[in-house]
Amino acid sequence: MNPRDINLMELRPEIPSARITENMSSDERFQNETLRPVAKLQDDLLVAAFRNYITKHKNAFYDLNLEKRLLYIENAIQKDIKFRNSLKGMIIGQFTIREYKTYIQNSSALNKRMMNIVKERLQGNIQLLERDLAY
C-alpha cells in the first residue's frame, strides 16, 4: 500500500456492528469494510454539506415537521443529481486505490448502498440540522 492509502485506513473509525462474514456478498462486504467507515469519518462534512444545501434552497427545510424533513433529506439525495454527485465525491475521495478498483467494478449497486448510508447518517443527525446550531 502507498502512504496515502495507509493514512486513509488509519483515519477510519471502527464500526463494531459492521461485521464481515464468509457468506456475505462482495457488495455487502464492501459496504461494511469501506462505505460505512468512510461515511462515519465524513459525518461532519456530510452534515455541513447538507446545511449548505438547505441554505441554497431558501431554508424551506426549517419550515417542515420531522416526517417531512426526513423525506426532504431522502428526496435531496435521490433527486438532486448535482448534490448526489457531490456527496458521492466526499465518500469516493476517501477510498484507497484498491477500494476504488473494487468500486468501479460494480459502481451502480455500490452507489445505491452508499447513498442509503449517507441518507441514514443525515437522518440520524437530524438534530444537528436545526437552524440555530452552529457547526
Protein backbone atom coordinates (compact mmCIF):
# COMPACT_ATOMS: atom_id res chain seq x y z
CA MET A 1 0.00 0.00 0.00
CA ASN A 2 1.16 3.50 -0.76
CA PRO A 3 1.45 6.13 2.01
CA ARG A 4 -1.85 7.79 1.05
CA ASP A 5 -3.73 4.51 1.36
CA ILE A 6 -2.10 3.75 4.72
CA ASN A 7 -3.03 7.19 6.05
CA LEU A 8 -6.62 6.84 4.84
CA MET A 9 -7.01 3.47 6.55
CA GLU A 10 -5.59 4.82 9.81
CA LEU A 11 -8.12 7.67 9.86
CA ARG A 12 -11.18 5.46 9.60
CA PRO A 13 -13.22 4.70 12.68
CA GLU A 14 -14.02 1.12 13.60
CA ILE A 15 -17.66 0.13 13.41
CA PRO A 16 -18.26 -2.92 15.58
CA SER A 17 -21.74 -3.52 14.13
CA ALA A 18 -20.35 -3.69 10.56
CA ARG A 19 -19.48 -7.36 10.72
CA ILE A 20 -17.74 -9.33 7.99
CA THR A 21 -18.77 -12.94 7.42
CA GLU A 22 -17.73 -15.56 4.91
CA ASN A 23 -21.13 -15.92 3.30
CA MET A 24 -21.86 -12.24 2.63
CA SER A 25 -21.89 -10.84 -0.90
CA SER A 26 -18.95 -8.82 -2.17
CA ASP A 27 -21.17 -5.71 -2.24
CA GLU A 28 -22.17 -6.19 1.38
CA ARG A 29 -18.55 -6.79 2.34
CA PHE A 30 -17.51 -3.55 0.57
CA GLN A 31 -20.32 -1.74 2.34
CA ASN A 32 -19.18 -2.92 5.78
CA GLU A 33 -15.43 -2.68 5.21
CA THR A 34 -15.34 0.58 3.28
CA LEU A 35 -18.58 2.52 2.87
CA ARG A 36 -19.73 2.55 6.49
CA PRO A 37 -16.35 3.57 7.97
CA VAL A 38 -15.82 6.26 5.32
CA ALA A 39 -19.33 7.65 5.83
CA LYS A 40 -18.75 7.77 9.58
CA LEU A 41 -15.40 9.50 9.04
CA GLN A 42 -17.05 12.05 6.74
CA ASP A 43 -20.08 12.56 9.01
CA ASP A 44 -19.35 16.17 9.94
CA LEU A 45 -18.63 17.08 6.32
CA LEU A 46 -21.86 15.43 5.15
CA VAL A 47 -23.84 17.41 7.73
CA ALA A 48 -22.09 20.65 6.71
CA ALA A 49 -22.83 19.93 3.04
CA PHE A 50 -26.49 19.34 3.80
CA ARG A 51 -26.70 22.52 5.88
CA ASN A 52 -25.33 24.36 2.85
CA TYR A 53 -27.91 22.60 0.64
CA ILE A 54 -30.67 23.79 2.97
CA THR A 55 -29.38 27.38 2.76
CA LYS A 56 -29.14 27.26 -1.04
CA HIS A 57 -32.76 26.10 -1.17
CA LYS A 58 -34.09 29.07 0.80
CA ASN A 59 -34.23 27.30 4.18
CA ALA A 60 -37.54 25.56 3.33
CA PHE A 61 -36.31 22.58 5.35
CA TYR A 62 -36.77 24.50 8.61
CA ASP A 63 -40.49 25.02 7.98
CA LEU A 64 -41.16 21.27 7.80
CA ASN A 65 -42.21 18.84 10.52
CA LEU A 66 -39.95 15.90 11.38
CA GLU A 67 -41.54 13.43 8.98
CA LYS A 68 -41.30 15.87 6.07
CA ARG A 69 -37.70 16.74 6.99
CA LEU A 70 -36.79 13.06 6.72
CA LEU A 71 -38.45 12.94 3.29
CA TYR A 72 -36.70 16.17 2.29
CA ILE A 73 -33.33 14.57 3.04
CA GLU A 74 -34.24 11.47 1.04
CA ASN A 75 -35.50 13.50 -1.93
CA ALA A 76 -32.45 15.76 -1.93
CA ILE A 77 -30.16 12.74 -2.12
CA GLN A 78 -32.21 10.80 -4.65
CA LYS A 79 -33.40 13.56 -6.99
CA ASP A 80 -30.82 16.35 -6.94
CA ILE A 81 -28.13 14.82 -9.15
CA LYS A 82 -25.58 17.59 -8.54
CA PHE A 83 -25.93 17.26 -4.78
CA ARG A 84 -25.87 13.46 -5.01
CA ASN A 85 -22.67 13.58 -7.06
CA SER A 86 -21.11 15.94 -4.54
CA LEU A 87 -21.92 13.51 -1.71
CA LYS A 88 -20.53 10.60 -3.72
CA GLY A 89 -17.32 12.54 -4.24
CA MET A 90 -16.96 13.08 -0.50
CA ILE A 91 -17.10 9.32 0.02
CA ILE A 92 -15.17 8.13 -3.05
CA GLY A 93 -12.37 10.61 -2.34
CA GLN A 94 -11.60 8.63 0.82
CA PHE A 95 -11.17 5.29 -1.00
CA THR A 96 -7.82 3.60 -1.30
CA ILE A 97 -6.70 2.68 -4.82
CA ARG A 98 -7.69 -0.96 -4.20
CA GLU A 99 -11.11 0.09 -2.95
CA TYR A 100 -11.60 2.37 -5.94
CA LYS A 101 -10.80 -0.51 -8.29
CA THR A 102 -13.36 -2.64 -6.48
CA TYR A 103 -15.89 0.19 -6.59
CA ILE A 104 -15.67 0.73 -10.35
CA GLN A 105 -16.40 -2.95 -10.96
CA ASN A 106 -19.94 -2.52 -9.64
CA SER A 107 -20.42 1.20 -9.11
CA SER A 108 -24.16 1.24 -9.79
CA ALA A 109 -25.08 -1.16 -6.96
CA LEU A 110 -22.46 0.32 -4.65
CA ASN A 111 -23.75 3.85 -5.32
CA LYS A 112 -27.19 2.74 -4.09
CA ARG A 113 -25.67 1.34 -0.92
CA MET A 114 -23.53 4.46 -0.48
CA MET A 115 -26.45 6.86 -0.83
CA ASN A 116 -28.59 4.80 1.55
CA ILE A 117 -25.83 5.00 4.15
CA VAL A 118 -25.46 8.77 3.61
CA LYS A 119 -29.24 9.20 3.87
CA GLU A 120 -29.31 7.18 7.11
CA ARG A 121 -26.43 9.22 8.56
CA LEU A 122 -28.10 12.55 7.72
CA GLN A 123 -31.47 11.40 9.01
CA GLY A 124 -29.79 10.09 12.15
CA ASN A 125 -28.18 13.51 12.61
CA ILE A 126 -31.43 15.40 12.12
CA GLN A 127 -30.92 17.31 15.38
CA LEU A 128 -27.63 18.69 14.05
CA LEU A 129 -29.57 20.23 11.18
CA GLU A 130 -31.54 22.64 13.34
CA ARG A 131 -31.36 26.25 12.22
CA ASP A 132 -29.82 27.63 15.41
CA LEU A 133 -26.97 25.16 15.78
CA ALA A 134 -23.53 26.38 14.83
CA TYR A 135 -21.24 23.96 13.05
